[in-house]
Amino acid sequence: MFGIRYLKSPPTMHVVQFKNGEPIRDGVGLSFFYYQPTSTIMQVPVGSNDAPFLFEEVTADFQDVTVQGEITYRIIDPKMIVSMLDFSIDRHGRYASDDPAKLNERLVRACQMLSRSYTQRQKLSAVLGATDELAQLIRTGLAESEVVQMLGIEVLGVSLVSIKPSPEMGKALEAEAREQLLQDADKAVFVRRNAAVESERKIKENELNTEIAVQEKRRQVRETQMRADITVEQQRAELVDQRVENQRKESEAQAEALKATLEPLKEIDWRTLIAANSGGMSSNQLIAMAFRDLADNAEKIGALNISPDLLQSLMGESGGSQAGAPVAGSVHEQPRRGRKGGR
């Protein structure tokens, strides 16, 4: 009524009342009555604000990328910003100008300039994977920006939601990534198969080594047996040689003994030896000796007559019982004729 208004501001709102061009009230969360025709009220939000952004940039390899994110900030010097922008409100509590909206635009524009300086130096593949690096770069750049400092703004944080290529390039990158993944999968399968083949080779090699070791042990056993058999045969040959040598020596000893035994008997008549050996001679032996003597003196015998009874007694089985029978025969010794004599 009559132009008198009542203003009640929240704790996150800084209020400045100007009258006749001079600030008469200045503070956070003020509540007061004022005369609207002669007063200008400035309301500056000092709480944290978010300024979302979405813009396109070009990389070093001439590819379009879309950068989407958000800037979180707060106004720390309301007096400085009200000197730069119009935050006055009308009688209905709405901002009288669009300067408060331009604040976000200025921040987004500064963010875009920082992002552009980075993306134009990098290729597409590097930009797509540099989300954290680009966010840190933008935050540092805004904190050092003269525009931001002149507005009395503190940047609390910068977050990048996404960095996307164009749809066509996205499909191409997806195809490339898909092919790379397939190649990696094939490589993994190859490595797995190669590992299986290598394991199988090691198993076969171990089996062959085991078989070789077994065969080597068997060969050593056979060689040991052969050496033992050779040793036994050598010992057996030595035994046979020793036996032969012993038998030879024994035969030589027996021969020497027999020679020594028979040496004294060389000069003795064999008849005497037979008689001494047998203890007496039978009639047959005597008759045989008589015939032997006749044979030895055959040149002196002129005629020899042997009766049938004598032959029968000599050749019969009972000749031993007839040994004492008289010999029916006679020997007539005739003088031999000389070369010069007659008959």
Protein backbone atom coordinates (compact mmCIF):
# COMPACT_ATOMS: atom_id res chain seq x y z
CA MET A 1 0.00 0.00 0.00
CA PHE A 2 1.24 3.44 -1.00
CA GLY A 3 4.39 1.77 -2.48
CA ILE A 4 5.54 0.29 0.79
CA ARG A 5 6.80 -3.29 0.38
CA TYR A 6 8.09 -5.91 2.72
CA LEU A 7 11.07 -8.05 1.76
CA LYS A 8 12.05 -11.27 3.46
CA SER A 9 15.12 -13.02 1.99
CA PRO A 10 16.45 -16.55 2.74
CA PRO A 11 19.89 -17.12 4.31
CA THR A 12 21.40 -17.94 0.91
CA MET A 13 20.40 -14.61 -0.58
CA HIS A 14 22.50 -11.47 -0.26
CA VAL A 15 20.34 -8.29 -0.35
CA VAL A 16 21.52 -4.79 -1.19
CA GLN A 17 19.09 -1.84 -0.99
CA PHE A 18 19.99 1.23 -2.98
CA LYS A 19 18.33 4.59 -2.44
CA ASN A 20 19.30 7.62 -4.40
CA GLY A 21 22.22 5.61 -5.81
CA GLU A 22 23.66 4.77 -2.41
CA PRO A 23 23.48 1.34 -0.63
CA ILE A 24 21.61 1.77 2.62
CA ARG A 25 21.21 -1.92 3.50
CA ASP A 26 23.61 -4.76 2.73
CA GLY A 27 23.50 -8.27 4.16
CA VAL A 28 22.44 -11.90 3.91
CA GLY A 29 18.95 -13.01 4.82
CA LEU A 30 17.62 -9.50 5.56
CA SER A 31 13.93 -8.77 6.23
CA PHE A 32 12.68 -5.18 6.11
CA PHE A 33 10.09 -2.72 4.80
CA TYR A 34 11.10 -0.40 2.02
CA TYR A 35 9.53 2.24 -0.14
CA GLN A 36 9.43 0.77 -3.58
CA PRO A 37 9.25 3.95 -5.77
CA THR A 38 12.53 5.26 -4.37
CA SER A 39 14.38 2.00 -3.65
CA THR A 40 16.25 -0.51 -5.75
CA ILE A 41 16.66 -4.00 -4.32
CA MET A 42 19.47 -6.24 -5.47
CA GLN A 43 19.27 -9.97 -4.62
CA VAL A 44 22.39 -11.99 -5.23
CA PRO A 45 22.29 -15.78 -4.50
CA VAL A 46 25.36 -16.68 -2.47
CA GLY A 47 24.64 -20.41 -2.27
CA SER A 48 26.10 -22.93 -4.67
CA ASN A 49 24.75 -22.84 -8.20
CA ASP A 50 25.04 -25.23 -11.12
CA ALA A 51 25.66 -24.17 -14.69
CA PRO A 52 25.16 -27.09 -17.09
CA PHE A 53 26.84 -26.90 -20.48
CA LEU A 54 26.75 -28.77 -23.77
CA PHE A 55 28.87 -27.74 -26.73
CA GLU A 56 30.68 -29.23 -29.70
CA GLU A 57 34.38 -29.02 -30.43
CA VAL A 58 36.75 -30.18 -33.18
CA THR A 59 39.76 -32.38 -32.43
CA ALA A 60 43.21 -32.23 -34.02
CA ASP A 61 42.17 -34.87 -36.59
CA PHE A 62 39.10 -32.79 -37.59
CA GLN A 63 36.52 -34.88 -35.78
CA ASP A 64 33.51 -33.42 -33.97
CA VAL A 65 33.02 -34.19 -30.30
CA THR A 66 30.24 -33.19 -27.94
CA VAL A 67 31.29 -32.19 -24.44
CA GLN A 68 28.62 -32.30 -21.75
CA GLY A 69 29.09 -31.41 -18.13
CA GLU A 70 28.30 -29.05 -15.29
CA ILE A 71 30.02 -26.21 -13.40
CA THR A 72 29.36 -25.77 -9.70
CA TYR A 73 30.12 -22.30 -8.34
CA ARG A 74 29.11 -19.71 -5.76
CA ILE A 75 29.29 -15.91 -5.52
CA ILE A 76 31.73 -14.87 -2.83
CA ASP A 77 31.73 -11.10 -3.50
CA PRO A 78 28.15 -9.84 -4.10
CA LYS A 79 29.19 -6.17 -4.15
CA MET A 80 31.58 -6.83 -7.04
CA ILE A 81 29.07 -8.73 -9.08
CA VAL A 82 26.26 -6.21 -8.58
CA SER A 83 28.62 -3.63 -9.97
CA MET A 84 29.03 -5.78 -13.08
CA LEU A 85 25.57 -7.27 -13.55
CA ASP A 86 22.02 -6.18 -12.80
CA PHE A 87 20.50 -8.35 -10.05
CA SER A 88 17.65 -5.95 -9.26
CA ILE A 89 14.14 -7.25 -8.70
CA ASP A 90 10.74 -5.78 -9.50
CA ARG A 91 7.85 -5.42 -7.13
CA HIS A 92 6.85 -9.04 -7.79
CA GLY A 93 10.26 -10.35 -6.73
CA ARG A 94 11.43 -11.27 -10.24
CA TYR A 95 14.71 -10.15 -11.76
CA ALA A 96 14.22 -7.04 -13.79
CA SER A 97 16.85 -8.05 -16.42
CA ASP A 98 18.37 -11.22 -17.86
CA ASP A 99 21.82 -10.52 -16.43
CA PRO A 100 21.58 -13.31 -13.82
CA ALA A 101 21.09 -15.78 -16.69
CA LYS A 102 24.04 -14.26 -18.51
CA LEU A 103 26.26 -15.20 -15.57
CA ASN A 104 25.89 -18.88 -16.41
CA GLU A 105 26.47 -18.11 -20.07
CA ARG A 106 29.72 -16.35 -19.28
CA LEU A 107 30.94 -19.24 -17.21
CA VAL A 108 29.97 -21.74 -19.90
CA ARG A 109 31.69 -19.63 -22.53
CA ALA A 110 34.87 -19.50 -20.49
CA CYS A 111 34.63 -23.26 -19.98
CA GLN A 112 34.18 -23.78 -23.72
CA MET A 113 37.27 -21.71 -24.52
CA LEU A 114 39.36 -23.80 -22.15
CA SER A 115 37.96 -27.02 -23.56
CA ARG A 116 38.61 -25.87 -27.14
CA SER A 117 42.25 -25.08 -26.40
CA TYR A 118 42.66 -28.68 -25.24
CA THR A 119 40.63 -30.59 -27.84
CA GLN A 120 42.24 -28.83 -30.80
CA ARG A 121 45.63 -30.17 -29.70
CA GLN A 122 44.49 -33.78 -29.21
CA LYS A 123 43.23 -36.48 -31.52
CA LEU A 124 39.78 -37.98 -31.17
CA SER A 125 40.91 -41.15 -29.45
CA ALA A 126 42.88 -39.14 -26.87
CA VAL A 127 40.02 -36.72 -26.19
CA LEU A 128 37.47 -39.50 -25.69
CA GLY A 129 39.58 -41.01 -22.95
CA ALA A 130 40.60 -37.75 -21.23
CA THR A 131 37.46 -36.97 -19.23
CA ASP A 132 39.14 -36.50 -15.87
CA GLU A 133 42.09 -34.65 -17.37
CA LEU A 134 39.86 -32.21 -19.24
CA ALA A 135 37.67 -31.61 -16.17
CA GLN A 136 40.72 -30.78 -14.06
CA LEU A 137 42.04 -28.52 -16.80
CA ILE A 138 38.74 -26.59 -16.99
CA ARG A 139 38.51 -26.19 -13.23
CA THR A 140 42.06 -24.87 -12.98
CA GLY A 141 41.52 -22.55 -15.93
CA LEU A 142 38.29 -21.10 -14.47
CA ALA A 143 39.95 -20.53 -11.11
CA GLU A 144 42.70 -18.54 -12.82
CA SER A 145 40.39 -16.73 -15.28
CA GLU A 146 40.25 -12.94 -14.99
CA VAL A 147 36.57 -12.91 -15.97
CA VAL A 148 35.67 -15.21 -13.12
CA GLN A 149 37.76 -13.20 -10.65
CA MET A 150 36.18 -9.92 -11.78
CA LEU A 151 32.74 -11.37 -11.17
CA GLY A 152 33.65 -12.43 -7.63
CA ILE A 153 32.89 -16.11 -8.29
CA GLU A 154 34.49 -19.18 -6.75
CA VAL A 155 34.41 -22.37 -8.85
CA LEU A 156 33.63 -25.30 -6.60
CA GLY A 157 33.93 -28.01 -9.18
CA VAL A 158 33.66 -29.09 -12.81
CA SER A 159 32.23 -32.43 -13.79
CA LEU A 160 32.11 -33.87 -17.30
CA VAL A 161 29.20 -36.19 -17.93
CA SER A 162 30.38 -37.39 -21.33
CA ILE A 163 32.55 -36.71 -24.33
CA LYS A 164 30.91 -38.19 -27.41
CA PRO A 165 31.95 -38.28 -31.06
CA SER A 166 29.56 -37.82 -33.96
CA PRO A 167 27.11 -40.70 -34.56
CA GLU A 168 28.91 -41.85 -37.71
CA MET A 169 32.30 -41.74 -36.06
CA GLY A 170 30.85 -43.37 -32.98
CA LYS A 171 29.70 -46.31 -35.09
CA ALA A 172 33.10 -46.47 -36.76
CA LEU A 173 34.85 -46.42 -33.40
CA GLU A 174 32.46 -49.05 -32.09
CA ALA A 175 33.23 -51.22 -35.11
CA GLU A 176 36.95 -50.69 -34.60
CA ALA A 177 36.66 -51.40 -30.90
CA ARG A 178 34.51 -54.44 -31.67
CA GLU A 179 37.11 -55.73 -34.09
CA GLN A 180 39.83 -55.09 -31.56
CA LEU A 181 37.87 -56.93 -28.92
CA LEU A 182 37.31 -59.81 -31.32
CA GLN A 183 41.01 -59.86 -32.10
CA ASP A 184 41.78 -59.82 -28.39
CA ALA A 185 39.31 -62.67 -27.92
CA ASP A 186 40.92 -64.62 -30.76
CA LYS A 187 44.31 -63.88 -29.28
CA ALA A 188 43.11 -65.08 -25.89
CA VAL A 189 41.77 -68.26 -27.49
CA PHE A 190 45.07 -68.69 -29.30
CA VAL A 191 47.02 -68.15 -26.10
CA ARG A 192 44.76 -70.60 -24.28
CA ARG A 193 45.12 -73.20 -27.01
CA ASN A 194 48.81 -72.59 -27.22
CA ALA A 195 49.06 -73.03 -23.47
CA ALA A 196 47.07 -76.27 -23.74
CA VAL A 197 49.33 -77.50 -26.55
CA GLU A 198 52.39 -76.49 -24.55
CA SER A 199 51.05 -78.32 -21.52
CA GLU A 200 50.32 -81.37 -23.65
CA ARG A 201 53.82 -81.17 -25.11
CA LYS A 202 55.31 -81.00 -21.65
CA ILE A 203 53.23 -83.99 -20.57
CA LYS A 204 54.34 -85.98 -23.64
CA GLU A 205 57.91 -84.88 -23.09
CA ASN A 206 57.75 -85.96 -19.47
CA GLU A 207 56.29 -89.30 -20.52
CA LEU A 208 59.05 -89.78 -23.10
CA ASN A 209 61.68 -88.74 -20.58
CA THR A 210 60.22 -91.23 -18.13
CA GLU A 211 60.25 -93.95 -20.79
CA ILE A 212 63.84 -93.05 -21.69
CA ALA A 213 64.81 -93.21 -18.04
CA VAL A 214 63.08 -96.59 -17.66
CA GLN A 215 64.80 -97.93 -20.79
CA GLU A 216 68.11 -96.56 -19.55
CA LYS A 217 67.63 -98.33 -16.23
CA ARG A 218 66.72 -101.52 -18.03
CA ARG A 219 69.82 -101.19 -20.20
CA GLN A 220 71.94 -100.67 -17.12
CA VAL A 221 70.35 -103.75 -15.56
CA ARG A 222 71.06 -105.80 -18.72
CA GLU A 223 74.63 -104.51 -18.86
CA THR A 224 75.09 -105.36 -15.21
CA GLN A 225 73.72 -108.85 -15.82
CA MET A 226 75.96 -109.25 -18.88
CA ARG A 227 79.00 -108.11 -16.91
CA ALA A 228 78.07 -110.54 -14.18
CA ASP A 229 77.64 -113.36 -16.75
CA ILE A 230 80.96 -112.42 -18.38
CA THR A 231 82.63 -112.48 -14.99
CA VAL A 232 81.07 -115.87 -14.23
CA GLU A 233 82.14 -117.23 -17.62
CA GLN A 234 85.63 -115.88 -17.15
CA GLN A 235 85.80 -117.47 -13.75
CA ARG A 236 84.40 -120.69 -15.23
CA ALA A 237 87.02 -120.60 -18.02
CA GLU A 238 89.71 -120.00 -15.43
CA LEU A 239 88.28 -122.93 -13.45
CA VAL A 240 88.36 -125.21 -16.52
CA ASP A 241 91.90 -124.10 -17.33
CA GLN A 242 92.89 -124.74 -13.76
CA ARG A 243 91.24 -128.17 -13.86
CA VAL A 244 93.03 -129.04 -17.12
CA GLU A 245 96.29 -127.82 -15.66
CA ASN A 246 95.68 -129.82 -12.50
CA GLN A 247 94.80 -132.95 -14.50
CA ARG A 248 97.86 -132.46 -16.69
CA LYS A 249 100.04 -132.08 -13.64
CA GLU A 250 98.35 -135.10 -12.06
CA SER A 251 98.90 -137.18 -15.23
CA GLU A 252 102.50 -136.09 -15.39
CA ALA A 253 102.89 -136.99 -11.73
CA GLN A 254 101.27 -140.38 -12.31
CA ALA A 255 103.43 -140.93 -15.38
CA GLU A 256 106.54 -140.07 -13.42
CA ALA A 257 105.43 -142.35 -10.60
CA LEU A 258 104.67 -145.21 -13.02
CA LYS A 259 107.96 -144.62 -14.78
CA ALA A 260 109.76 -144.71 -11.48
CA THR A 261 107.88 -147.90 -10.58
CA LEU A 262 108.57 -149.67 -13.88
CA GLU A 263 112.16 -148.53 -14.24
CA PRO A 264 113.55 -151.33 -12.03
CA LEU A 265 111.50 -153.94 -13.94
CA LYS A 266 113.03 -153.22 -17.32
CA GLU A 267 115.78 -155.79 -16.91
CA ILE A 268 113.55 -158.55 -15.48
CA ASP A 269 112.19 -161.25 -17.80
CA TRP A 270 108.51 -160.92 -18.44
CA ARG A 271 107.94 -164.53 -17.58
CA THR A 272 109.31 -163.95 -14.18
CA LEU A 273 107.05 -160.90 -13.78
CA ILE A 274 103.99 -162.87 -14.80
CA ALA A 275 104.83 -165.70 -12.47
CA ALA A 276 105.48 -163.29 -9.62
CA ASN A 277 102.32 -161.35 -10.27
CA SER A 278 100.02 -164.36 -10.56
CA GLY A 279 101.60 -166.44 -7.82
CA GLY A 280 102.00 -169.45 -10.22
CA MET A 281 101.23 -170.27 -13.85
CA SER A 282 98.49 -172.55 -15.09
CA SER A 283 99.02 -175.31 -17.64
CA ASN A 284 97.50 -173.24 -20.39
CA GLN A 285 99.86 -170.39 -19.62
CA LEU A 286 102.78 -172.78 -19.61
CA ILE A 287 101.70 -174.25 -22.96
CA ALA A 288 101.27 -170.71 -24.33
CA MET A 289 104.73 -169.81 -23.19
CA ALA A 290 106.04 -172.99 -24.76
CA PHE A 291 104.47 -172.05 -28.07
CA ARG A 292 105.94 -168.56 -27.67
CA ASP A 293 109.37 -170.04 -27.25
CA LEU A 294 108.78 -172.29 -30.26
CA ALA A 295 107.85 -169.21 -32.25
CA ASP A 296 110.95 -167.40 -31.11
CA ASN A 297 113.14 -170.38 -32.13
CA ALA A 298 111.28 -171.29 -35.26
CA GLU A 299 114.45 -171.15 -37.35
CA LYS A 300 115.90 -173.93 -35.27
CA ILE A 301 112.91 -176.29 -35.56
CA GLY A 302 112.99 -178.72 -38.40
CA ALA A 303 109.57 -180.36 -37.91
CA LEU A 304 106.71 -179.77 -35.43
CA ASN A 305 103.98 -182.36 -34.86
CA ILE A 306 100.89 -181.41 -32.82
CA SER A 307 98.34 -184.11 -32.06
CA PRO A 308 94.61 -183.46 -32.28
CA ASP A 309 94.24 -184.26 -28.60
CA LEU A 310 96.55 -181.44 -27.73
CA LEU A 311 94.61 -178.92 -29.83
CA GLN A 312 91.34 -180.15 -28.35
CA SER A 313 92.64 -179.72 -24.83
CA LEU A 314 93.93 -176.23 -25.63
CA MET A 315 90.72 -174.98 -27.37
CA GLY A 316 88.06 -176.66 -25.21
CA GLU A 317 86.17 -174.98 -22.41
CA SER A 318 87.49 -177.59 -19.96
CA GLY A 319 91.03 -177.06 -20.94
CA GLY A 320 91.87 -175.94 -17.44
CA SER A 321 90.92 -179.39 -16.04
CA GLN A 322 93.02 -181.11 -18.72
CA ALA A 323 96.02 -178.97 -18.19
CA GLY A 324 97.91 -181.87 -16.64
CA ALA A 325 97.38 -184.21 -19.60
CA PRO A 326 100.44 -185.24 -21.51
CA VAL A 327 101.24 -183.30 -24.61
CA ALA A 328 101.04 -185.57 -27.55
CA GLY A 329 103.54 -184.17 -29.88
CA SER A 330 107.18 -184.14 -30.59
CA VAL A 331 109.73 -181.66 -31.76
CA HIS A 332 112.66 -182.82 -33.82
CA GLU A 333 115.41 -180.36 -34.10
CA GLN A 334 117.36 -180.76 -37.29
CA PRO A 335 120.60 -179.14 -38.04
CA ARG A 336 120.26 -176.41 -40.57
CA ARG A 337 122.04 -176.71 -43.81
CA GLY A 338 124.85 -174.45 -44.53
CA ARG A 339 125.32 -172.49 -47.68
CA LYS A 340 128.17 -174.77 -48.86
CA GLY A 341 127.00 -178.13 -47.58
CA GLY A 342 124.59 -180.55 -49.27
CA ARG A 343 121.55 -182.16 -47.89
